Amino acid sequence: MTADGIRVLTYIQAGEKADDWFVGTEQDALRRAGGEVPQQGPYTVADAIRDYLADAQKRRMKGYSITQTTAIAYILPELGEIEVSRLYKRRIEDWHSAIAESGRRKTGKKRDEPEHHEAPTDEDAKRARKDSANRILTVLKAALNLALQEGRVQGPAP
């Protein structure tokens, strides 16, 4: 039989899979020892946001409710289902630009679908919207950084 990389492996492929398995097993054991339940399945942006919000609540973060609302309104609908390992710079930049160019969300009454004001046209309104988009991006970056610090995802190779 020839190696197909799935059912039949070369010696090197088998060694790499074994190394990955040992690293994963070690991380699961460390989490269990700390009282955590290991993640089952892919680790998504929604998982990272959930963990970040839990950590922020535990730390009694100032502005927690605004951070939670921001994540629910802007991050989860667009990026929540994406695996963190498959989230690339270009995807984040496109999402960030779309927020900066869109009008702000209408608030007040409950709506089935979110509604937005008109997109900003004057320079002050554009600047303000970019500022809001940057604050939203900061929440995403904080969640991804926490996921990296806690070993839930692997960082880029050195």
Protein backbone atom coordinates (compact mmCIF):
# COMPACT_ATOMS: atom_id res chain seq x y z
CA MET A 1 0.00 0.00 0.00
CA THR A 2 1.11 3.52 -0.67
CA ALA A 3 0.77 6.23 1.95
CA ASP A 4 -2.26 8.47 1.46
CA GLY A 5 -1.73 10.56 4.60
CA ILE A 6 -5.07 9.51 6.07
CA ARG A 7 -5.42 5.76 6.43
CA VAL A 8 -1.89 4.77 5.50
CA LEU A 9 0.97 6.92 6.81
CA THR A 10 4.65 7.16 6.16
CA TYR A 11 6.98 6.88 9.13
CA ILE A 12 7.40 10.68 9.22
CA GLN A 13 3.64 11.31 8.99
CA ALA A 14 3.00 8.85 11.81
CA GLY A 15 5.61 10.59 13.97
CA GLU A 16 4.02 14.01 13.33
CA LYS A 17 0.54 12.71 14.18
CA ALA A 18 1.90 11.12 17.36
CA ASP A 19 3.59 14.40 18.36
CA ASP A 20 0.30 16.30 17.80
CA TRP A 21 -1.59 13.72 19.84
CA PHE A 22 0.86 13.96 22.75
CA VAL A 23 0.72 17.77 22.78
CA GLY A 24 -3.10 17.70 22.74
CA THR A 25 -3.23 15.09 25.48
CA GLU A 26 -0.83 17.08 27.64
CA GLN A 27 -2.91 20.27 27.23
CA ASP A 28 -6.12 18.38 28.09
CA ALA A 29 -4.48 16.91 31.21
CA LEU A 30 -3.32 20.35 32.35
CA ARG A 31 -6.80 21.81 31.84
CA ARG A 32 -8.44 18.96 33.73
CA ALA A 33 -5.93 19.37 36.58
CA GLY A 34 -6.93 23.03 36.76
CA GLY A 35 -10.63 22.13 36.89
CA GLU A 36 -11.39 23.01 33.27
CA VAL A 37 -13.29 20.89 30.79
CA PRO A 38 -11.22 20.41 27.61
CA GLN A 39 -12.63 21.85 24.38
CA GLN A 40 -14.36 19.31 22.17
CA GLY A 41 -14.22 20.00 18.45
CA PRO A 42 -12.79 23.06 16.71
CA TYR A 43 -12.13 26.22 18.71
CA THR A 44 -14.17 28.99 17.10
CA VAL A 45 -14.21 32.76 17.48
CA ALA A 46 -17.47 32.31 19.43
CA ASP A 47 -15.62 30.04 21.87
CA ALA A 48 -12.85 32.64 22.25
CA ILE A 49 -15.42 35.38 22.92
CA ARG A 50 -17.24 33.17 25.45
CA ASP A 51 -14.00 32.46 27.30
CA TYR A 52 -12.96 36.11 27.18
CA LEU A 53 -16.30 37.30 28.56
CA ALA A 54 -16.17 34.68 31.34
CA ASP A 55 -12.66 35.86 32.24
CA ALA A 56 -13.72 39.51 32.10
CA GLN A 57 -16.68 38.83 34.37
CA LYS A 58 -14.46 36.93 36.81
CA ARG A 59 -12.06 39.89 36.88
CA ARG A 60 -15.02 42.29 37.30
CA MET A 61 -13.95 44.22 34.23
CA LYS A 62 -15.18 47.78 34.04
CA GLY A 63 -17.48 48.14 31.04
CA TYR A 64 -18.29 44.43 30.93
CA SER A 65 -21.88 44.90 29.70
CA ILE A 66 -20.77 47.18 26.84
CA THR A 67 -18.09 44.67 25.86
CA GLN A 68 -20.62 41.85 25.92
CA THR A 69 -23.12 43.83 23.83
CA THR A 70 -20.40 44.75 21.34
CA ALA A 71 -19.32 41.13 20.93
CA ILE A 72 -22.88 39.92 20.45
CA ALA A 73 -23.78 42.68 17.99
CA TYR A 74 -20.67 42.90 15.84
CA ILE A 75 -18.26 39.99 16.32
CA LEU A 76 -20.41 36.87 16.69
CA PRO A 77 -22.73 37.38 13.69
CA GLU A 78 -19.87 37.80 11.24
CA LEU A 79 -16.98 35.82 12.71
CA GLY A 80 -18.44 33.57 15.42
CA GLU A 81 -18.58 30.33 13.42
CA ILE A 82 -15.04 30.63 12.03
CA GLU A 83 -12.38 28.41 13.57
CA VAL A 84 -9.71 30.59 15.16
CA SER A 85 -7.03 28.63 13.28
CA ARG A 86 -8.73 29.61 10.00
CA LEU A 87 -9.16 33.29 10.82
CA TYR A 88 -6.78 35.20 8.60
CA LYS A 89 -5.63 38.80 8.61
CA ARG A 90 -7.44 39.65 5.38
CA ARG A 91 -10.78 38.38 6.78
CA ILE A 92 -10.38 40.53 9.90
CA GLU A 93 -9.38 43.58 7.84
CA ASP A 94 -12.44 43.21 5.56
CA TRP A 95 -14.76 42.83 8.57
CA HIS A 96 -13.18 45.83 10.31
CA SER A 97 -13.47 48.01 7.18
CA ALA A 98 -17.10 47.04 6.70
CA ILE A 99 -17.91 48.21 10.23
CA ALA A 100 -16.05 51.49 9.72
CA GLU A 101 -17.89 52.20 6.47
CA SER A 102 -21.36 51.26 7.71
CA GLY A 103 -23.78 53.43 9.61
CA ARG A 104 -24.12 52.89 13.32
CA ARG A 105 -26.77 50.49 14.60
CA LYS A 106 -30.18 51.77 15.60
CA THR A 107 -30.88 51.21 19.27
CA GLY A 108 -33.90 51.62 21.49
CA LYS A 109 -36.61 49.15 20.56
CA LYS A 110 -36.23 45.42 19.97
CA ARG A 111 -35.84 44.46 16.32
CA ASP A 112 -35.90 41.09 14.57
CA GLU A 113 -33.04 42.16 12.32
CA PRO A 114 -30.52 44.87 13.18
CA GLU A 115 -31.09 48.19 11.43
CA HIS A 116 -28.46 50.81 10.71
CA HIS A 117 -28.43 54.56 10.24
CA GLU A 118 -27.11 55.99 6.99
CA ALA A 119 -23.39 55.55 6.38
CA PRO A 120 -21.33 58.54 7.51
CA THR A 121 -20.69 61.19 4.86
CA ASP A 122 -18.85 64.05 6.55
CA GLU A 123 -15.30 63.69 7.87
CA ASP A 124 -16.20 63.94 11.57
CA ALA A 125 -18.80 61.20 11.27
CA LYS A 126 -16.36 58.98 9.32
CA ARG A 127 -13.69 59.53 11.96
CA ALA A 128 -16.13 58.71 14.75
CA ARG A 129 -17.23 55.53 12.97
CA LYS A 130 -13.61 54.43 12.46
CA ASP A 131 -13.02 55.04 16.15
CA SER A 132 -15.98 52.79 17.00
CA ALA A 133 -14.73 50.11 14.61
CA ASN A 134 -11.33 50.22 16.33
CA ARG A 135 -12.94 49.72 19.75
CA ILE A 136 -14.85 46.71 18.40
CA LEU A 137 -11.64 45.31 16.91
CA THR A 138 -9.97 45.70 20.31
CA VAL A 139 -12.52 43.33 21.86
CA LEU A 140 -11.81 40.70 19.19
CA LYS A 141 -8.05 41.07 19.62
CA ALA A 142 -8.32 40.75 23.39
CA ALA A 143 -10.34 37.54 23.07
CA LEU A 144 -7.87 36.04 20.58
CA ASN A 145 -4.89 37.03 22.73
CA LEU A 146 -6.45 35.38 25.77
CA ALA A 147 -7.07 32.21 23.76
CA LEU A 148 -3.40 32.21 22.73
CA GLN A 149 -2.16 32.86 26.29
CA GLU A 150 -4.27 30.01 27.67
CA GLY A 151 -3.01 27.58 25.04
CA ARG A 152 -6.39 27.08 23.39
CA VAL A 153 -4.89 27.93 19.99
CA GLN A 154 -1.41 27.79 18.56
CA GLY A 155 0.35 31.00 17.56
CA PRO A 156 2.29 31.51 14.36
CA ALA A 157 5.49 29.53 14.00
CA PRO A 158 8.58 31.51 15.05
